[in-house]
Amino acid sequence: MKTVRYIRWKDGDMWLGYLEDYPDYMTQGETLKELQENLKDLLQDLTGGHIPGVRKVAELQIA
């Protein structure tokens, strides 16, 4: 089973969040479970080529 990290917080009545590797793409849900389902859908869209020009966080090693 694959896991991905995400950032989440509650704002009023809504849960907001984004995938750690894709901080420019946020989603929301009325419940934490709904937020997690929306994040899964978002990941499929981002990795499936459904969104053009996707920006992703990467690491660079410096000597």
C-alpha atoms as a PDB file:
ATOM      1  CA  MET A   1       0.000   0.000   0.000  1.00  0.00           C
ATOM      2  CA  LYS A   2       1.352   3.406  -1.002  1.00  0.00           C
ATOM      3  CA  THR A   3       1.152   6.341   1.383  1.00  0.00           C
ATOM      4  CA  VAL A   4       1.525  10.063   0.736  1.00  0.00           C
ATOM      5  CA  ARG A   5       1.890  12.844   3.258  1.00  0.00           C
ATOM      6  CA  TYR A   6      -0.546  15.725   3.408  1.00  0.00           C
ATOM      7  CA  ILE A   7      -1.055  18.909   5.376  1.00  0.00           C
ATOM      8  CA  ARG A   8      -4.483  19.577   6.897  1.00  0.00           C
ATOM      9  CA  TRP A   9      -6.203  22.140   9.083  1.00  0.00           C
ATOM     10  CA  LYS A  10      -9.692  23.128  10.076  1.00  0.00           C
ATOM     11  CA  ASP A  11     -11.043  26.537   9.070  1.00  0.00           C
ATOM     12  CA  GLY A  12     -14.502  27.185  10.447  1.00  0.00           C
ATOM     13  CA  ASP A  13     -16.662  24.214   9.496  1.00  0.00           C
ATOM     14  CA  MET A  14     -14.378  22.956   6.698  1.00  0.00           C
ATOM     15  CA  TRP A  15     -11.238  20.822   6.575  1.00  0.00           C
ATOM     16  CA  LEU A  16      -8.620  22.182   4.151  1.00  0.00           C
ATOM     17  CA  GLY A  17      -5.533  20.421   2.924  1.00  0.00           C
ATOM     18  CA  TYR A  18      -2.952  19.746   0.250  1.00  0.00           C
ATOM     19  CA  LEU A  19      -0.530  16.984  -0.669  1.00  0.00           C
ATOM     20  CA  GLU A  20       2.974  17.634   0.632  1.00  0.00           C
ATOM     21  CA  ASP A  21       4.518  17.072  -2.824  1.00  0.00           C
ATOM     22  CA  TYR A  22       1.978  19.384  -4.499  1.00  0.00           C
ATOM     23  CA  PRO A  23       1.522  22.427  -2.214  1.00  0.00           C
ATOM     24  CA  ASP A  24      -0.017  24.586  -4.964  1.00  0.00           C
ATOM     25  CA  TYR A  25      -3.134  22.394  -5.193  1.00  0.00           C
ATOM     26  CA  MET A  26      -5.525  22.570  -2.248  1.00  0.00           C
ATOM     27  CA  THR A  27      -8.836  20.860  -1.644  1.00  0.00           C
ATOM     28  CA  GLN A  28     -11.433  20.776   1.123  1.00  0.00           C
ATOM     29  CA  GLY A  29     -14.095  18.658   2.778  1.00  0.00           C
ATOM     30  CA  GLU A  30     -16.845  19.007   5.348  1.00  0.00           C
ATOM     31  CA  THR A  31     -15.313  16.085   7.275  1.00  0.00           C
ATOM     32  CA  LEU A  32     -11.780  14.771   7.616  1.00  0.00           C
ATOM     33  CA  LYS A  33     -12.806  11.633   5.713  1.00  0.00           C
ATOM     34  CA  GLU A  34     -14.221  13.733   2.857  1.00  0.00           C
ATOM     35  CA  LEU A  35     -10.997  15.762   2.747  1.00  0.00           C
ATOM     36  CA  GLN A  36      -8.960  12.545   2.504  1.00  0.00           C
ATOM     37  CA  GLU A  37     -11.157  11.255  -0.340  1.00  0.00           C
ATOM     38  CA  ASN A  38     -10.793  14.579  -2.166  1.00  0.00           C
ATOM     39  CA  LEU A  39      -7.016  14.418  -1.700  1.00  0.00           C
ATOM     40  CA  LYS A  40      -6.979  10.928  -3.248  1.00  0.00           C
ATOM     41  CA  ASP A  41      -8.974  12.218  -6.234  1.00  0.00           C
ATOM     42  CA  LEU A  42      -6.647  15.201  -6.534  1.00  0.00           C
ATOM     43  CA  LEU A  43      -3.592  12.923  -6.533  1.00  0.00           C
ATOM     44  CA  GLN A  44      -5.080  10.866  -9.358  1.00  0.00           C
ATOM     45  CA  ASP A  45      -5.714  14.034 -11.374  1.00  0.00           C
ATOM     46  CA  LEU A  46      -2.219  15.389 -10.711  1.00  0.00           C
ATOM     47  CA  THR A  47      -0.382  12.170 -11.555  1.00  0.00           C
ATOM     48  CA  GLY A  48      -2.713  11.065 -14.340  1.00  0.00           C
ATOM     49  CA  GLY A  49      -1.997  13.962 -16.661  1.00  0.00           C
ATOM     50  CA  HIS A  50      -5.445  15.535 -16.230  1.00  0.00           C
ATOM     51  CA  ILE A  51      -4.011  18.865 -15.037  1.00  0.00           C
ATOM     52  CA  PRO A  52      -1.524  20.621 -17.344  1.00  0.00           C
ATOM     53  CA  GLY A  53       1.677  22.215 -16.041  1.00  0.00           C
ATOM     54  CA  VAL A  54       1.675  20.494 -12.652  1.00  0.00           C
ATOM     55  CA  ARG A  55       4.283  21.869 -10.241  1.00  0.00           C
ATOM     56  CA  LYS A  56       5.819  19.477  -7.733  1.00  0.00           C
ATOM     57  CA  VAL A  57       8.209  19.881  -4.796  1.00  0.00           C
ATOM     58  CA  ALA A  58      11.606  18.256  -5.315  1.00  0.00           C
ATOM     59  CA  GLU A  59      14.893  18.042  -3.433  1.00  0.00           C
ATOM     60  CA  LEU A  60      18.296  19.128  -4.644  1.00  0.00           C
ATOM     61  CA  GLN A  61      21.474  17.769  -3.078  1.00  0.00           C
ATOM     62  CA  ILE A  62      24.255  20.270  -2.583  1.00  0.00           C
ATOM     63  CA  ALA A  63      27.793  19.036  -2.039  1.00  0.00           C
END
